[in-house]
Amino acid sequence: MPLGLGNIFNGLIKQYGHTVILLLRFIDIAMLVGAAWVSHYFWLRQWDIDQDYRIVISLGVLAAIIFFEIGQVYRPWQNDAMRGEIARIVRAWASAIVSVIAIVALVRLHFWFGSSYRWIATWWGLGLVSVLAARSVLASLLQWLRARGWSQGRIIMVGLNQMAIMSTRQLRRSSWAGLQVVGYVDDHCEGTVTDGDLSLPYLGKLGDLADIVMKEAIDEVWIAFPPEALAERAQHELRHLPVSIRLVIDCFTFKQSKFLSLNTVAGIPTLDVSVSPLHGVNRYIKEIEDRFLAFFLLVLISPLLMAIAIGVKLSSPGPVFYRQVRVGWNNRKFTMLKFRSMPTDAEAKTGAVWAKPGENRATPFGAFLRKTSLDELPQLINVLLGDMSLVGPRPERPDFVEVFKEQVPNYMKKHMVKAGITGWAQVNGWRGDTDLNQRIEHDLYYIQHWSLWFDLEIAFRTVLTGFINKNAY
């Protein structure tokens, strides 16, 4: 498999089965449409499907989508997934076909004379077999890939108790999830835990948690004890790392809190304390959204970009773009582009300086670009390259990040998503030299409530009100 395609497929199957569930939806639709087509040819001996049959197929697929959802067909897979799922699929697909027959019988009764009843019966049987066969093949493929180490998300358990051992065992049995427990940290227990076929290595004490997370390239930290015990200390140790944190809980004894999100991973109940929304399919939805819109906007405003570039060149000697290192997703540094608004030696003596009202470092043309936020437009190139997103928390320079992470609670959590050209804080007026705590509060709200529609709302509000702002200078 070529390297690029391999990386794409690696990412596609990595996170918790969410992407697999989406893939199953498309596979089911494809199998049902294909079964209808084959059944039509078997009885009518023609590949071209006339309008009446196309209408019935469309109704059948739509009904299947609805009844598959009602019947909870798309649940996370367990070891007995195929045994438990067959009954749900049979009931849902039978309900879909019966509803279609009822609709067509009421609207167009004459359709059912001739061979049509044989066709729809064949479609039901062949569709059922096709859906089950496709799922079996996909499950076998995922298990084969997982067994060879493809895209294993790395987890570390904090605290050693029966729940930690049960969770580790369940994750190892749930090969589809793509999650690997590397080991555990605990202040009271040491040594590798062996329980039957289970081996759970000891990695160190809680005080070493941050170093262990970085050394072992950990993706998630699972806290396997009651929230009131050491969860707060674990969060403190990880305050500078954009790593996902989950509390492994006993859902029968836990009283749900409105401040925490109850989730299920590989059939294991967890409380999501601090989790990036961009896992599984969400990541690819946002990637597609960003790349497509960035390319479209760059083509659309290319004459404006050319005009601004000429203006920058004429305003003062030097390059058109101002390149600046910023901190983005997962604390990764990248070079952010802007139209140059200052002379090339503006920061030669002062170094990195926070922009404040009343400063006169910018050229007259550069001041206009800043006031209208037109200097930010080259960041569309960063979005196209994958360094940034259209919508997300604004990135800062590494020097500022080192200062702010000690001053502002949960500041580093903004790096759990890609940095954006615009964001929820910016459209609400928190930009420039404004209250940093308010900006972070808005950034965290965006991360907790992310959706495609929320992105579009922020983008729309930016177009309406976000370019010219009293705090842009």
Protein backbone atom coordinates (compact mmCIF):
# COMPACT_ATOMS: atom_id res chain seq x y z
CA MET A 1 0.00 0.00 0.00
CA PRO A 2 1.47 3.43 -0.92
CA LEU A 3 2.61 5.51 2.04
CA GLY A 4 0.04 8.29 1.55
CA LEU A 5 -2.89 5.90 1.19
CA GLY A 6 -1.63 3.87 4.12
CA ASN A 7 -1.55 6.95 6.36
CA ILE A 8 -5.09 7.87 5.35
CA PHE A 9 -6.36 4.37 6.07
CA ASN A 10 -4.40 4.33 9.33
CA GLY A 11 -6.24 7.42 10.49
CA LEU A 12 -9.56 6.17 9.19
CA ILE A 13 -9.68 3.16 11.51
CA LYS A 14 -7.93 4.56 14.58
CA GLN A 15 -10.49 6.01 16.96
CA TYR A 16 -12.95 3.88 18.93
CA GLY A 17 -14.99 2.61 16.00
CA HIS A 18 -16.83 5.92 15.38
CA THR A 19 -15.45 6.04 11.87
CA VAL A 20 -16.24 2.35 11.44
CA ILE A 21 -19.86 3.03 12.36
CA LEU A 22 -20.08 5.76 9.70
CA LEU A 23 -18.45 3.42 7.20
CA LEU A 24 -21.03 0.76 8.07
CA ARG A 25 -23.85 3.15 7.20
CA PHE A 26 -22.48 3.68 3.70
CA ILE A 27 -21.76 -0.03 3.28
CA ASP A 28 -25.32 -0.93 4.30
CA ILE A 29 -26.78 1.51 1.77
CA ALA A 30 -24.48 0.20 -0.96
CA MET A 31 -25.37 -3.43 -0.15
CA LEU A 32 -29.12 -2.75 -0.19
CA VAL A 33 -28.99 -0.83 -3.46
CA GLY A 34 -26.80 -3.53 -5.01
CA ALA A 35 -29.17 -6.28 -3.81
CA ALA A 36 -32.14 -4.44 -5.33
CA TRP A 37 -30.32 -4.13 -8.64
CA VAL A 38 -29.34 -7.81 -8.77
CA SER A 39 -32.85 -8.90 -7.77
CA HIS A 40 -34.33 -6.72 -10.49
CA TYR A 41 -32.11 -8.31 -13.12
CA PHE A 42 -32.81 -11.83 -11.83
CA TRP A 43 -36.57 -11.50 -12.30
CA LEU A 44 -36.89 -8.96 -15.11
CA ARG A 45 -33.69 -9.69 -17.08
CA GLN A 46 -32.75 -6.05 -17.53
CA TRP A 47 -30.19 -3.86 -15.84
CA ASP A 48 -32.04 -0.60 -16.50
CA ILE A 49 -34.46 0.07 -13.66
CA ASP A 50 -37.64 1.95 -14.57
CA GLN A 51 -39.09 4.78 -12.54
CA ASP A 52 -41.56 2.71 -10.46
CA TYR A 53 -38.82 0.41 -9.22
CA ARG A 54 -36.45 3.33 -8.56
CA ILE A 55 -39.10 4.94 -6.35
CA VAL A 56 -39.59 1.71 -4.38
CA ILE A 57 -35.82 1.24 -3.97
CA SER A 58 -35.44 4.81 -2.72
CA LEU A 59 -38.29 4.33 -0.24
CA GLY A 60 -36.79 1.03 0.91
CA VAL A 61 -33.33 2.47 1.52
CA LEU A 62 -34.80 5.49 3.33
CA ALA A 63 -36.93 3.22 5.50
CA ALA A 64 -33.89 1.04 6.21
CA ILE A 65 -31.90 4.06 7.37
CA ILE A 66 -34.73 5.04 9.74
CA PHE A 67 -35.44 1.57 11.12
CA PHE A 68 -31.73 0.74 11.47
CA GLU A 69 -31.42 3.79 13.71
CA ILE A 70 -34.55 2.95 15.69
CA GLY A 71 -33.41 -0.65 16.04
CA GLN A 72 -29.97 0.42 17.38
CA VAL A 73 -28.16 -1.45 14.64
CA TYR A 74 -25.21 0.97 14.75
CA ARG A 75 -23.95 0.25 18.25
CA PRO A 76 -20.27 -0.24 19.19
CA TRP A 77 -19.22 -3.78 18.36
CA GLN A 78 -18.59 -6.31 21.10
CA ASN A 79 -17.11 -9.78 20.81
CA ASP A 80 -20.56 -11.24 20.22
CA ALA A 81 -21.49 -8.41 17.84
CA MET A 82 -22.54 -10.58 14.92
CA ARG A 83 -24.68 -12.88 17.09
CA GLY A 84 -26.42 -9.98 18.81
CA GLU A 85 -26.72 -7.86 15.69
CA ILE A 86 -28.34 -10.40 13.36
CA ALA A 87 -31.67 -10.25 15.18
CA ARG A 88 -31.66 -6.43 15.20
CA ILE A 89 -30.84 -6.25 11.50
CA VAL A 90 -33.52 -8.81 10.60
CA ARG A 91 -36.18 -6.90 12.56
CA ALA A 92 -35.13 -3.50 11.19
CA TRP A 93 -34.89 -4.63 7.54
CA ALA A 94 -38.22 -6.52 7.77
CA SER A 95 -39.88 -3.41 9.23
CA ALA A 96 -38.46 -1.30 6.40
CA ILE A 97 -39.77 -3.62 3.69
CA VAL A 98 -43.21 -3.95 5.31
CA SER A 99 -43.52 -0.18 5.56
CA VAL A 100 -42.58 0.22 1.90
CA ILE A 101 -45.10 -2.42 0.84
CA ALA A 102 -47.78 -0.64 2.88
CA ILE A 103 -46.98 2.73 1.32
CA VAL A 104 -46.91 1.43 -2.25
CA ALA A 105 -50.02 -0.69 -1.73
CA LEU A 106 -51.93 2.39 -0.63
CA VAL A 107 -50.59 4.69 -3.34
CA ARG A 108 -49.99 2.43 -6.37
CA LEU A 109 -51.66 -0.95 -5.89
CA HIS A 110 -51.26 -1.99 -9.55
CA PHE A 111 -47.46 -2.07 -9.11
CA TRP A 112 -47.68 -5.39 -7.25
CA PHE A 113 -49.22 -7.40 -10.04
CA GLY A 114 -46.88 -9.58 -12.06
CA SER A 115 -43.32 -10.31 -10.88
CA SER A 116 -42.88 -7.38 -8.48
CA TYR A 117 -43.79 -9.34 -5.34
CA ARG A 118 -41.10 -11.91 -6.19
CA TRP A 119 -38.60 -9.13 -6.76
CA ILE A 120 -39.19 -7.45 -3.41
CA ALA A 121 -39.06 -10.78 -1.55
CA THR A 122 -35.76 -11.56 -3.25
CA TRP A 123 -34.50 -8.07 -2.46
CA TRP A 124 -35.27 -8.57 1.23
CA GLY A 125 -33.43 -11.88 1.43
CA LEU A 126 -30.47 -10.86 -0.70
CA GLY A 127 -30.23 -7.49 1.07
CA LEU A 128 -30.12 -9.18 4.47
CA VAL A 129 -27.41 -11.61 3.36
CA SER A 130 -25.37 -8.82 1.74
CA VAL A 131 -25.49 -6.57 4.82
CA LEU A 132 -24.48 -9.38 7.18
CA ALA A 133 -21.73 -10.62 4.84
CA ALA A 134 -20.27 -7.11 4.45
CA ARG A 135 -20.20 -6.61 8.22
CA SER A 136 -18.52 -9.95 8.75
CA VAL A 137 -15.83 -9.10 6.19
CA LEU A 138 -15.27 -5.67 7.72
CA ALA A 139 -15.02 -7.10 11.24
CA SER A 140 -12.49 -9.71 10.07
CA LEU A 141 -10.47 -7.06 8.23
CA LEU A 142 -10.33 -4.78 11.28
CA GLN A 143 -9.30 -7.63 13.56
CA TRP A 144 -6.56 -8.63 11.10
CA LEU A 145 -5.25 -5.06 10.94
CA ARG A 146 -5.40 -4.58 14.72
CA ALA A 147 -3.52 -7.83 15.30
CA ARG A 148 -0.69 -6.39 13.19
CA GLY A 149 -0.52 -3.16 15.17
CA TRP A 150 -2.31 -0.81 12.82
CA SER A 151 -3.16 2.56 14.42
CA GLN A 152 -3.25 1.50 18.04
CA GLY A 153 -4.24 4.44 20.23
CA ARG A 154 -2.04 4.28 23.34
CA ILE A 155 -3.64 4.43 26.79
CA ILE A 156 -2.18 4.60 30.29
CA MET A 157 -4.21 3.65 33.37
CA VAL A 158 -3.93 5.83 36.48
CA GLY A 159 -4.64 3.84 39.63
CA LEU A 160 -4.66 0.07 39.97
CA ASN A 161 -7.94 -1.53 40.98
CA GLN A 162 -10.38 -4.11 39.70
CA MET A 163 -11.99 -1.60 37.33
CA ALA A 164 -8.61 -0.85 35.73
CA ILE A 165 -7.95 -4.54 35.20
CA MET A 166 -11.44 -5.16 33.80
CA SER A 167 -11.12 -2.18 31.46
CA THR A 168 -7.72 -3.34 30.20
CA ARG A 169 -9.03 -6.84 29.56
CA GLN A 170 -12.10 -5.49 27.74
CA LEU A 171 -10.01 -3.24 25.50
CA ARG A 172 -7.75 -6.11 24.54
CA ARG A 173 -10.75 -8.24 23.67
CA SER A 174 -12.33 -5.40 21.65
CA SER A 175 -9.80 -5.41 18.84
CA TRP A 176 -12.01 -3.23 16.63
CA ALA A 177 -11.52 -0.24 18.96
CA GLY A 178 -7.82 0.18 18.12
CA LEU A 179 -6.85 1.00 21.71
CA GLN A 180 -3.81 -0.44 23.51
CA VAL A 181 -3.23 -0.16 27.26
CA VAL A 182 0.51 0.45 27.65
CA GLY A 183 0.63 0.13 31.44
CA TYR A 184 -0.39 1.81 34.69
CA VAL A 185 0.88 4.35 37.22
CA ASP A 186 0.11 4.17 40.92
CA ASP A 187 1.62 5.48 44.15
CA HIS A 188 0.75 2.41 46.20
CA CYS A 189 1.34 -0.55 43.87
CA GLU A 190 4.41 -1.55 41.90
CA GLY A 191 5.26 -4.37 39.57
CA THR A 192 3.64 -5.94 36.54
CA VAL A 193 0.12 -7.22 37.13
CA THR A 194 -0.69 -10.66 35.75
CA ASP A 195 -4.22 -12.03 35.78
CA GLY A 196 -4.66 -15.05 33.55
CA ASP A 197 -3.74 -13.99 30.03
CA LEU A 198 -3.55 -10.32 31.09
CA SER A 199 -0.24 -8.54 31.67
CA LEU A 200 -0.30 -4.88 32.79
CA PRO A 201 3.17 -3.29 33.23
CA TYR A 202 3.96 -0.81 36.01
CA LEU A 203 5.30 2.47 34.55
CA GLY A 204 5.87 4.67 37.59
CA LYS A 205 4.29 6.94 40.17
CA LEU A 206 1.65 9.61 39.70
CA GLY A 207 4.21 12.39 40.04
CA ASP A 208 5.96 11.07 36.93
CA LEU A 209 2.74 10.96 34.89
CA ALA A 210 3.51 13.89 32.57
CA ASP A 211 6.98 12.56 31.74
CA ILE A 212 5.60 9.06 31.13
CA VAL A 213 2.88 10.42 28.82
CA MET A 214 5.50 12.22 26.72
CA LYS A 215 8.03 9.36 26.74
CA GLU A 216 5.50 6.67 25.82
CA ALA A 217 3.62 8.86 23.27
CA ILE A 218 0.35 8.34 25.16
CA ASP A 219 -2.89 9.42 23.45
CA GLU A 220 -5.24 9.08 26.42
CA VAL A 221 -5.06 8.84 30.19
CA TRP A 222 -7.76 6.75 31.89
CA ILE A 223 -8.28 7.36 35.60
CA ALA A 224 -9.51 4.12 37.13
CA PHE A 225 -10.73 5.21 40.53
CA PRO A 226 -13.61 7.32 41.96
CA PRO A 227 -13.58 10.98 40.80
CA GLU A 228 -13.24 12.32 44.37
CA ALA A 229 -9.95 10.44 44.99
CA LEU A 230 -6.95 11.42 42.86
CA ALA A 231 -8.56 12.68 39.67
CA GLU A 232 -7.80 16.31 40.52
CA ARG A 233 -4.13 15.53 41.11
CA ALA A 234 -3.87 13.64 37.80
CA GLN A 235 -5.41 16.60 35.98
CA HIS A 236 -2.90 18.92 37.63
CA GLU A 237 0.03 16.74 36.52
CA LEU A 238 -1.27 16.85 32.94
CA ARG A 239 -2.26 20.52 32.85
CA HIS A 240 0.41 21.39 30.27
CA LEU A 241 -0.32 18.50 27.92
CA PRO A 242 -3.16 18.36 25.36
CA VAL A 243 -3.89 14.71 26.20
CA SER A 244 -7.40 13.29 26.51
CA ILE A 245 -8.44 12.33 30.06
CA ARG A 246 -11.21 9.88 30.91
CA LEU A 247 -12.58 8.62 34.22
CA VAL A 248 -13.38 4.92 34.17
CA ILE A 249 -16.51 4.57 36.29
CA ASP A 250 -19.06 2.12 37.57
CA CYS A 251 -22.17 3.57 35.97
CA PHE A 252 -24.45 1.76 38.43
CA THR A 253 -23.05 3.52 41.48
CA PHE A 254 -22.02 6.84 39.97
CA LYS A 255 -24.36 9.81 40.28
CA GLN A 256 -24.11 11.71 37.02
CA SER A 257 -22.80 15.26 37.14
CA LYS A 258 -23.89 17.99 34.75
CA PHE A 259 -20.25 19.11 34.48
CA LEU A 260 -18.96 15.80 33.08
CA SER A 261 -19.82 13.90 29.92
CA LEU A 262 -20.78 10.24 30.22
CA ASN A 263 -19.43 8.18 27.33
CA THR A 264 -18.89 4.55 26.34
CA VAL A 265 -15.64 3.29 24.79
CA ALA A 266 -15.44 -0.35 23.72
CA GLY A 267 -18.40 -1.08 25.99
CA ILE A 268 -16.64 0.50 29.01
CA PRO A 269 -18.40 3.44 30.75
CA THR A 270 -16.19 6.53 31.10
CA LEU A 271 -16.58 10.13 32.23
CA ASP A 272 -15.00 12.53 29.77
CA VAL A 273 -13.23 15.24 31.76
CA SER A 274 -11.16 16.74 28.97
CA VAL A 275 -11.47 15.15 25.52
CA SER A 276 -10.84 16.57 22.08
CA PRO A 277 -13.98 16.58 19.91
CA LEU A 278 -11.89 15.85 16.83
CA HIS A 279 -11.57 12.08 17.07
CA GLY A 280 -12.84 9.51 14.62
CA VAL A 281 -15.06 10.80 11.85
CA ASN A 282 -15.26 14.33 13.33
CA ARG A 283 -11.64 14.88 12.44
CA TYR A 284 -12.23 14.05 8.78
CA ILE A 285 -15.42 16.10 8.59
CA LYS A 286 -13.52 19.16 9.79
CA GLU A 287 -10.54 18.42 7.51
CA ILE A 288 -12.81 18.22 4.45
CA GLU A 289 -14.66 21.35 5.52
CA ASP A 290 -11.41 23.28 6.02
CA ARG A 291 -9.60 22.19 2.87
CA PHE A 292 -12.59 22.65 0.57
CA LEU A 293 -13.56 26.08 1.89
CA ALA A 294 -9.95 27.29 2.02
CA PHE A 295 -9.37 26.31 -1.62
CA PHE A 296 -12.67 27.86 -2.69
CA LEU A 297 -11.97 31.13 -0.84
CA LEU A 298 -8.39 31.39 -2.14
CA VAL A 299 -9.64 31.09 -5.71
CA LEU A 300 -12.51 33.50 -5.07
CA ILE A 301 -10.40 36.26 -3.48
CA SER A 302 -7.21 35.77 -5.51
CA PRO A 303 -7.56 39.23 -7.18
CA LEU A 304 -7.84 40.83 -3.72
CA LEU A 305 -4.79 38.91 -2.49
CA MET A 306 -2.80 40.10 -5.49
CA ALA A 307 -3.83 43.70 -4.89
CA ILE A 308 -2.87 43.51 -1.19
CA ALA A 309 0.48 41.94 -2.08
CA ILE A 310 1.26 44.83 -4.42
CA GLY A 311 0.22 47.29 -1.71
CA VAL A 312 2.55 45.65 0.84
CA LYS A 313 5.45 45.80 -1.60
CA LEU A 314 4.85 49.45 -2.33
CA SER A 315 4.39 50.42 1.34
CA SER A 316 7.88 49.38 2.49
CA PRO A 317 10.80 47.23 1.32
CA GLY A 318 10.74 43.59 2.29
CA PRO A 319 8.80 40.36 1.68
CA VAL A 320 5.05 40.26 1.13
CA PHE A 321 4.45 37.70 3.88
CA TYR A 322 5.31 37.96 7.54
CA ARG A 323 6.18 34.51 8.87
CA GLN A 324 5.80 33.80 12.55
CA VAL A 325 6.13 30.59 14.59
CA ARG A 326 2.95 29.75 16.51
CA VAL A 327 1.77 26.86 18.68
CA GLY A 328 -1.10 24.77 17.34
CA TRP A 329 -2.80 21.40 17.69
CA ASN A 330 -1.14 19.05 20.21
CA ASN A 331 1.45 21.74 21.07
CA ARG A 332 2.99 21.46 17.60
CA LYS A 333 4.75 24.53 16.27
CA PHE A 334 4.06 25.78 12.76
CA THR A 335 4.85 28.86 10.68
CA MET A 336 1.81 31.12 10.36
CA LEU A 337 1.51 33.48 7.41
CA LYS A 338 0.29 37.06 7.42
CA PHE A 339 0.57 39.96 5.05
CA ARG A 340 3.46 42.03 6.38
CA SER A 341 2.11 45.15 8.11
CA MET A 342 5.32 46.46 9.71
CA PRO A 343 8.82 47.32 8.49
CA THR A 344 11.11 44.31 8.51
CA ASP A 345 13.14 45.64 11.49
CA ALA A 346 10.15 46.57 13.69
CA GLU A 347 10.91 43.88 16.29
CA ALA A 348 14.70 43.85 15.93
CA LYS A 349 15.21 45.53 19.32
CA THR A 350 12.06 44.61 21.24
CA GLY A 351 11.56 40.98 20.19
CA ALA A 352 8.09 39.48 20.53
CA VAL A 353 5.75 42.19 21.84
CA TRP A 354 2.00 41.91 22.54
CA ALA A 355 0.08 44.26 20.23
CA LYS A 356 -1.49 47.14 22.14
CA PRO A 357 -3.76 50.05 21.19
CA GLY A 358 -2.03 53.25 20.13
CA GLU A 359 1.17 51.60 18.88
CA ASN A 360 2.63 52.98 15.64
CA ARG A 361 4.92 50.20 14.47
CA ALA A 362 2.79 49.40 11.42
CA THR A 363 3.08 51.18 8.08
CA PRO A 364 0.00 53.23 7.04
CA PHE A 365 -1.04 50.49 4.63
CA GLY A 366 -0.24 47.85 7.26
CA ALA A 367 -2.40 49.66 9.83
CA PHE A 368 -5.29 49.50 7.36
CA LEU A 369 -4.72 45.77 6.87
CA ARG A 370 -4.73 45.18 10.62
CA LYS A 371 -7.82 47.27 11.27
CA THR A 372 -9.76 45.35 8.62
CA SER A 373 -8.11 41.98 9.49
CA LEU A 374 -7.08 41.61 5.85
CA ASP A 375 -3.55 40.80 7.01
CA GLU A 376 -4.91 37.43 8.22
CA LEU A 377 -6.03 36.24 4.76
CA PRO A 378 -2.79 34.34 3.90
CA GLN A 379 -3.66 31.96 6.73
CA LEU A 380 -6.00 30.32 4.23
CA ILE A 381 -2.78 28.82 2.87
CA ASN A 382 -2.04 27.44 6.35
CA VAL A 383 -5.51 25.89 6.36
CA LEU A 384 -4.94 24.35 2.95
CA LEU A 385 -1.63 22.90 4.18
CA GLY A 386 -3.32 21.43 7.26
CA ASP A 387 -1.55 23.59 9.87
CA MET A 388 -4.67 25.52 10.82
CA SER A 389 -8.44 25.40 10.63
CA LEU A 390 -10.86 28.04 9.43
CA VAL A 391 -12.48 28.08 12.89
CA GLY A 392 -10.72 27.43 16.17
CA PRO A 393 -8.80 29.13 19.00
CA ARG A 394 -6.31 31.73 17.81
CA PRO A 395 -2.67 30.52 18.09
CA GLU A 396 0.01 32.33 20.08
CA ARG A 397 3.78 32.56 19.89
CA PRO A 398 5.74 29.97 21.91
CA ASP A 399 7.14 32.71 24.21
CA PHE A 400 3.66 33.85 25.15
CA VAL A 401 2.39 30.29 25.57
CA GLU A 402 5.08 29.59 28.18
CA VAL A 403 3.89 32.60 30.18
CA PHE A 404 0.13 32.17 29.74
CA LYS A 405 0.02 28.47 30.64
CA GLU A 406 1.14 29.34 34.19
CA GLN A 407 -1.19 32.33 34.53
CA VAL A 408 -4.46 31.12 32.96
CA PRO A 409 -6.22 27.95 34.20
CA ASN A 410 -6.66 25.31 31.48
CA TYR A 411 -4.89 27.49 28.93
CA MET A 412 -3.20 24.52 27.22
CA LYS A 413 -6.55 22.82 26.58
CA LYS A 414 -7.05 25.18 23.64
CA HIS A 415 -4.44 23.10 21.80
CA MET A 416 -6.75 20.06 21.75
CA VAL A 417 -8.04 21.32 18.39
CA LYS A 418 -6.37 23.07 15.47
CA ALA A 419 -5.80 26.79 15.73
CA GLY A 420 -8.20 28.86 13.65
CA ILE A 421 -8.27 32.02 11.57
CA THR A 422 -11.38 33.03 13.49
CA GLY A 423 -13.07 31.63 16.57
CA TRP A 424 -15.88 31.86 19.10
CA ALA A 425 -13.86 34.30 21.22
CA GLN A 426 -13.15 36.56 18.25
CA VAL A 427 -16.76 36.87 17.04
CA ASN A 428 -17.75 37.75 20.61
CA GLY A 429 -15.24 40.61 20.72
CA TRP A 430 -12.46 38.90 22.73
CA ARG A 431 -9.51 39.63 20.50
CA GLY A 432 -6.43 41.82 20.66
CA ASP A 433 -5.51 43.22 24.09
CA THR A 434 -8.61 41.92 25.92
CA ASP A 435 -9.18 39.70 28.97
CA LEU A 436 -7.24 36.50 28.31
CA ASN A 437 -9.36 34.51 30.78
CA GLN A 438 -12.49 35.40 28.83
CA ARG A 439 -10.85 34.38 25.57
CA ILE A 440 -9.83 30.99 26.96
CA GLU A 441 -13.29 30.51 28.45
CA HIS A 442 -14.80 31.06 25.00
CA ASP A 443 -12.21 28.78 23.36
CA LEU A 444 -13.02 25.97 25.80
CA TYR A 445 -16.73 26.47 25.22
CA TYR A 446 -16.11 26.05 21.49
CA ILE A 447 -14.13 22.84 22.06
CA GLN A 448 -16.83 21.38 24.33
CA HIS A 449 -19.67 22.23 21.93
CA TRP A 450 -17.96 21.74 18.57
CA SER A 451 -20.07 20.77 15.59
CA LEU A 452 -20.02 21.43 11.87
CA TRP A 453 -22.96 23.81 12.28
CA PHE A 454 -21.20 25.70 15.08
CA ASP A 455 -18.23 26.20 12.72
CA LEU A 456 -20.53 27.53 10.00
CA GLU A 457 -22.24 29.88 12.48
CA ILE A 458 -18.89 31.34 13.57
CA ALA A 459 -17.73 31.69 9.96
CA PHE A 460 -20.99 33.44 9.03
CA ARG A 461 -20.72 35.82 11.99
CA THR A 462 -17.10 36.55 11.04
CA VAL A 463 -18.16 37.55 7.54
CA LEU A 464 -20.87 39.83 8.93
CA THR A 465 -19.09 41.46 11.87
CA GLY A 466 -15.67 39.95 12.45
CA PHE A 467 -13.39 41.70 9.95
CA ILE A 468 -13.53 45.23 11.38
CA ASN A 469 -13.26 45.32 15.16
CA LYS A 470 -12.29 48.00 17.67
CA ASN A 471 -9.78 45.58 19.21
CA ALA A 472 -7.96 44.93 15.92
CA TYR A 473 -4.72 46.97 15.76
